[in-house]
Amino acid sequence: MNKVSFFPKLTVCFIVLLALLVLHIIPLPILEVLILYVMIFRPPWFKNLVDQLYDR
């Protein structure tokens, strides 16, 4: 498995968070639904992402 460098993942995370911020201004509960999904189902992709970001 190829290891992806840290910078592109950080950039993608920043862009996603920026998009969520823009969508949060619109009165749609997208951010809240995403947070509830992560808290309730604890998807493995989220834990892997956090582990990779804090690994550096």
PDB file of N, CA and C in Angstrom:
ATOM      1  N   MET A   1       0.842  -1.185   0.000  1.00  0.00           N
ATOM      2  CA  MET A   1       0.000   0.000   0.000  1.00  0.00           C
ATOM      3  C   MET A   1       0.883   1.244   0.000  1.00  0.00           C
ATOM      4  N   ASN A   2       0.622   2.139  -0.903  1.00  0.00           N
ATOM      5  CA  ASN A   2       1.403   3.365  -0.988  1.00  0.00           C
ATOM      6  C   ASN A   2       0.986   4.319   0.108  1.00  0.00           C
ATOM      7  N   LYS A   3       1.965   4.956   0.687  1.00  0.00           N
ATOM      8  CA  LYS A   3       1.672   5.925   1.730  1.00  0.00           C
ATOM      9  C   LYS A   3       1.547   7.306   1.106  1.00  0.00           C
ATOM     10  N   VAL A   4       0.421   7.948   1.333  1.00  0.00           N
ATOM     11  CA  VAL A   4       0.179   9.279   0.778  1.00  0.00           C
ATOM     12  C   VAL A   4       0.824  10.290   1.726  1.00  0.00           C
ATOM     13  N   SER A   5       1.422  11.313   1.157  1.00  0.00           N
ATOM     14  CA  SER A   5       2.084  12.307   1.990  1.00  0.00           C
ATOM     15  C   SER A   5       1.073  13.076   2.831  1.00  0.00           C
ATOM     16  N   PHE A   6       1.591  13.720   3.853  1.00  0.00           N
ATOM     17  CA  PHE A   6       0.759  14.392   4.844  1.00  0.00           C
ATOM     18  C   PHE A   6       0.087  15.639   4.287  1.00  0.00           C
ATOM     19  N   PHE A   7       0.795  16.410   3.481  1.00  0.00           N
ATOM     20  CA  PHE A   7       0.283  17.699   3.021  1.00  0.00           C
ATOM     21  C   PHE A   7      -1.009  17.595   2.210  1.00  0.00           C
ATOM     22  N   PRO A   8      -1.125  16.678   1.239  1.00  0.00           N
ATOM     23  CA  PRO A   8      -2.391  16.611   0.492  1.00  0.00           C
ATOM     24  C   PRO A   8      -3.586  16.250   1.380  1.00  0.00           C
ATOM     25  N   LYS A   9      -3.387  15.362   2.351  1.00  0.00           N
ATOM     26  CA  LYS A   9      -4.505  15.016   3.238  1.00  0.00           C
ATOM     27  C   LYS A   9      -4.912  16.202   4.089  1.00  0.00           C
ATOM     28  N   LEU A  10      -3.936  16.951   4.552  1.00  0.00           N
ATOM     29  CA  LEU A  10      -4.243  18.142   5.334  1.00  0.00           C
ATOM     30  C   LEU A  10      -4.978  19.165   4.483  1.00  0.00           C
ATOM     31  N   THR A  11      -4.585  19.306   3.233  1.00  0.00           N
ATOM     32  CA  THR A  11      -5.246  20.234   2.321  1.00  0.00           C
ATOM     33  C   THR A  11      -6.688  19.805   2.061  1.00  0.00           C
ATOM     34  N   VAL A  12      -6.895  18.516   1.837  1.00  0.00           N
ATOM     35  CA  VAL A  12      -8.252  18.008   1.601  1.00  0.00           C
ATOM     36  C   VAL A  12      -9.110  18.218   2.841  1.00  0.00           C
ATOM     37  N   CYS A  13      -8.566  17.949   4.016  1.00  0.00           N
ATOM     38  CA  CYS A  13      -9.318  18.173   5.258  1.00  0.00           C
ATOM     39  C   CYS A  13      -9.685  19.649   5.414  1.00  0.00           C
ATOM     40  N   PHE A  14      -8.760  20.528   5.091  1.00  0.00           N
ATOM     41  CA  PHE A  14      -9.025  21.950   5.189  1.00  0.00           C
ATOM     42  C   PHE A  14     -10.126  22.374   4.219  1.00  0.00           C
ATOM     43  N   ILE A  15     -10.085  21.854   3.008  1.00  0.00           N
ATOM     44  CA  ILE A  15     -11.103  22.200   2.007  1.00  0.00           C
ATOM     45  C   ILE A  15     -12.471  21.675   2.431  1.00  0.00           C
ATOM     46  N   VAL A  16     -12.511  20.456   2.959  1.00  0.00           N
ATOM     47  CA  VAL A  16     -13.788  19.882   3.413  1.00  0.00           C
ATOM     48  C   VAL A  16     -14.342  20.693   4.576  1.00  0.00           C
ATOM     49  N   LEU A  17     -13.490  21.059   5.525  1.00  0.00           N
ATOM     50  CA  LEU A  17     -13.958  21.870   6.654  1.00  0.00           C
ATOM     51  C   LEU A  17     -14.420  23.252   6.198  1.00  0.00           C
ATOM     52  N   LEU A  18     -13.746  23.811   5.218  1.00  0.00           N
ATOM     53  CA  LEU A  18     -14.166  25.099   4.671  1.00  0.00           C
ATOM     54  C   LEU A  18     -15.528  24.980   3.981  1.00  0.00           C
ATOM     55  N   ALA A  19     -15.720  23.895   3.232  1.00  0.00           N
ATOM     56  CA  ALA A  19     -17.015  23.671   2.572  1.00  0.00           C
ATOM     57  C   ALA A  19     -18.117  23.472   3.610  1.00  0.00           C
ATOM     58  N   LEU A  20     -17.818  22.744   4.689  1.00  0.00           N
ATOM     59  CA  LEU A  20     -18.811  22.566   5.747  1.00  0.00           C
ATOM     60  C   LEU A  20     -19.133  23.892   6.431  1.00  0.00           C
ATOM     61  N   LEU A  21     -18.131  24.741   6.568  1.00  0.00           N
ATOM     62  CA  LEU A  21     -18.365  26.057   7.154  1.00  0.00           C
ATOM     63  C   LEU A  21     -19.291  26.883   6.276  1.00  0.00           C
ATOM     64  N   VAL A  22     -19.075  26.846   4.976  1.00  0.00           N
ATOM     65  CA  VAL A  22     -19.934  27.587   4.049  1.00  0.00           C
ATOM     66  C   VAL A  22     -21.349  27.015   4.078  1.00  0.00           C
ATOM     67  N   LEU A  23     -21.464  25.692   4.100  1.00  0.00           N
ATOM     68  CA  LEU A  23     -22.791  25.076   4.156  1.00  0.00           C
ATOM     69  C   LEU A  23     -23.480  25.325   5.498  1.00  0.00           C
ATOM     70  N   HIS A  24     -22.697  25.554   6.528  1.00  0.00           N
ATOM     71  CA  HIS A  24     -23.283  25.817   7.847  1.00  0.00           C
ATOM     72  C   HIS A  24     -23.930  27.203   7.902  1.00  0.00           C
ATOM     73  N   ILE A  25     -23.464  28.109   7.069  1.00  0.00           N
ATOM     74  CA  ILE A  25     -24.070  29.448   7.021  1.00  0.00           C
ATOM     75  C   ILE A  25     -25.493  29.355   6.471  1.00  0.00           C
ATOM     76  N   ILE A  26     -25.665  28.477   5.479  1.00  0.00           N
ATOM     77  CA  ILE A  26     -27.005  28.220   4.952  1.00  0.00           C
ATOM     78  C   ILE A  26     -27.772  27.447   6.032  1.00  0.00           C
ATOM     79  N   PRO A  27     -29.029  27.723   6.244  1.00  0.00           N
ATOM     80  CA  PRO A  27     -29.737  27.056   7.338  1.00  0.00           C
ATOM     81  C   PRO A  27     -30.044  25.582   7.063  1.00  0.00           C
ATOM     82  N   LEU A  28     -29.016  24.801   6.825  1.00  0.00           N
ATOM     83  CA  LEU A  28     -29.153  23.355   6.675  1.00  0.00           C
ATOM     84  C   LEU A  28     -28.298  22.687   7.749  1.00  0.00           C
ATOM     85  N   PRO A  29     -28.825  21.699   8.434  1.00  0.00           N
ATOM     86  CA  PRO A  29     -28.065  21.077   9.533  1.00  0.00           C
ATOM     87  C   PRO A  29     -27.083  20.009   9.052  1.00  0.00           C
ATOM     88  N   ILE A  30     -26.284  20.323   8.045  1.00  0.00           N
ATOM     89  CA  ILE A  30     -25.364  19.334   7.478  1.00  0.00           C
ATOM     90  C   ILE A  30     -24.250  19.007   8.472  1.00  0.00           C
ATOM     91  N   LEU A  31     -23.657  20.010   9.075  1.00  0.00           N
ATOM     92  CA  LEU A  31     -22.565  19.787  10.005  1.00  0.00           C
ATOM     93  C   LEU A  31     -23.033  18.993  11.226  1.00  0.00           C
ATOM     94  N   GLU A  32     -24.199  19.330  11.729  1.00  0.00           N
ATOM     95  CA  GLU A  32     -24.722  18.625  12.890  1.00  0.00           C
ATOM     96  C   GLU A  32     -25.009  17.157  12.572  1.00  0.00           C
ATOM     97  N   VAL A  33     -25.547  16.897  11.387  1.00  0.00           N
ATOM     98  CA  VAL A  33     -25.832  15.513  10.983  1.00  0.00           C
ATOM     99  C   VAL A  33     -24.531  14.734  10.817  1.00  0.00           C
ATOM    100  N   LEU A  34     -23.517  15.367  10.247  1.00  0.00           N
ATOM    101  CA  LEU A  34     -22.226  14.704  10.088  1.00  0.00           C
ATOM    102  C   LEU A  34     -21.595  14.397  11.447  1.00  0.00           C
ATOM    103  N   ILE A  35     -21.662  15.331  12.363  1.00  0.00           N
ATOM    104  CA  ILE A  35     -21.111  15.105  13.700  1.00  0.00           C
ATOM    105  C   ILE A  35     -21.868  13.986  14.409  1.00  0.00           C
ATOM    106  N   LEU A  36     -23.186  13.976  14.303  1.00  0.00           N
ATOM    107  CA  LEU A  36     -23.967  12.893  14.913  1.00  0.00           C
ATOM    108  C   LEU A  36     -23.628  11.544  14.294  1.00  0.00           C
ATOM    109  N   TYR A  37     -23.440  11.509  12.983  1.00  0.00           N
ATOM    110  CA  TYR A  37     -23.075  10.264  12.307  1.00  0.00           C
ATOM    111  C   TYR A  37     -21.734   9.737  12.838  1.00  0.00           C
ATOM    112  N   VAL A  38     -20.752  10.629  12.959  1.00  0.00           N
ATOM    113  CA  VAL A  38     -19.433  10.214  13.441  1.00  0.00           C
ATOM    114  C   VAL A  38     -19.517   9.771  14.899  1.00  0.00           C
ATOM    115  N   MET A  39     -20.290  10.470  15.710  1.00  0.00           N
ATOM    116  CA  MET A  39     -20.396  10.115  17.128  1.00  0.00           C
ATOM    117  C   MET A  39     -21.139   8.807  17.342  1.00  0.00           C
ATOM    118  N   ILE A  40     -22.177   8.552  16.580  1.00  0.00           N
ATOM    119  CA  ILE A  40     -22.996   7.356  16.803  1.00  0.00           C
ATOM    120  C   ILE A  40     -22.373   6.121  16.171  1.00  0.00           C
ATOM    121  N   PHE A  41     -21.976   6.212  14.904  1.00  0.00           N
ATOM    122  CA  PHE A  41     -21.524   5.021  14.178  1.00  0.00           C
ATOM    123  C   PHE A  41     -20.014   4.795  14.253  1.00  0.00           C
ATOM    124  N   ARG A  42     -19.255   5.822  14.649  1.00  0.00           N
ATOM    125  CA  ARG A  42     -17.798   5.730  14.765  1.00  0.00           C
ATOM    126  C   ARG A  42     -17.167   5.023  13.567  1.00  0.00           C
ATOM    127  N   PRO A  43     -17.273   5.643  12.390  1.00  0.00           N
ATOM    128  CA  PRO A  43     -16.750   4.996  11.180  1.00  0.00           C
ATOM    129  C   PRO A  43     -15.230   4.863  11.231  1.00  0.00           C
ATOM    130  N   PRO A  44     -14.713   3.763  10.708  1.00  0.00           N
ATOM    131  CA  PRO A  44     -13.251   3.558  10.748  1.00  0.00           C
ATOM    132  C   PRO A  44     -12.475   4.586   9.926  1.00  0.00           C
ATOM    133  N   TRP A  45     -13.084   5.149   8.872  1.00  0.00           N
ATOM    134  CA  TRP A  45     -12.369   6.138   8.071  1.00  0.00           C
ATOM    135  C   TRP A  45     -12.051   7.388   8.881  1.00  0.00           C
ATOM    136  N   PHE A  46     -12.921   7.724   9.841  1.00  0.00           N
ATOM    137  CA  PHE A  46     -12.681   8.925  10.644  1.00  0.00           C
ATOM    138  C   PHE A  46     -11.524   8.701  11.612  1.00  0.00           C
ATOM    139  N   LYS A  47     -11.506   7.532  12.255  1.00  0.00           N
ATOM    140  CA  LYS A  47     -10.410   7.233  13.171  1.00  0.00           C
ATOM    141  C   LYS A  47      -9.083   7.159  12.427  1.00  0.00           C
ATOM    142  N   ASN A  48      -9.079   6.545  11.255  1.00  0.00           N
ATOM    143  CA  ASN A  48      -7.852   6.477  10.461  1.00  0.00           C
ATOM    144  C   ASN A  48      -7.372   7.866  10.064  1.00  0.00           C
ATOM    145  N   LEU A  49      -8.307   8.728   9.691  1.00  0.00           N
ATOM    146  CA  LEU A  49      -7.956  10.089   9.300  1.00  0.00           C
ATOM    147  C   LEU A  49      -7.347  10.852  10.470  1.00  0.00           C
ATOM    148  N   VAL A  50      -7.958  10.753  11.634  1.00  0.00           N
ATOM    149  CA  VAL A  50      -7.446  11.447  12.816  1.00  0.00           C
ATOM    150  C   VAL A  50      -6.084  10.883  13.210  1.00  0.00           C
ATOM    151  N   ASP A  51      -5.935   9.568  13.167  1.00  0.00           N
ATOM    152  CA  ASP A  51      -4.643   8.954  13.493  1.00  0.00           C
ATOM    153  C   ASP A  51      -3.552   9.420  12.548  1.00  0.00           C
ATOM    154  N   GLN A  52      -3.871   9.517  11.262  1.00  0.00           N
ATOM    155  CA  GLN A  52      -2.874   9.944  10.283  1.00  0.00           C
ATOM    156  C   GLN A  52      -2.528  11.419  10.450  1.00  0.00           C
ATOM    157  N   LEU A  53      -3.511  12.238  10.803  1.00  0.00           N
ATOM    158  CA  LEU A  53      -3.231  13.665  10.979  1.00  0.00           C
ATOM    159  C   LEU A  53      -2.380  13.926  12.215  1.00  0.00           C
ATOM    160  N   TYR A  54      -2.638  13.197  13.313  1.00  0.00           N
ATOM    161  CA  TYR A  54      -1.897  13.412  14.547  1.00  0.00           C
ATOM    162  C   TYR A  54      -0.640  12.562  14.632  1.00  0.00           C
ATOM    163  N   ASP A  55      -0.407  11.710  13.640  1.00  0.00           N
ATOM    164  CA  ASP A  55       0.798  10.893  13.631  1.00  0.00           C
ATOM    165  C   ASP A  55       2.044  11.730  13.395  1.00  0.00           C
ATOM    166  N   ARG A  56       1.900  12.829  12.718  1.00  0.00           N
ATOM    167  CA  ARG A  56       3.046  13.688  12.377  1.00  0.00           C
ATOM    168  C   ARG A  56       3.470  14.527  13.550  1.00  0.00           C
TER     169      ARG A  56
END
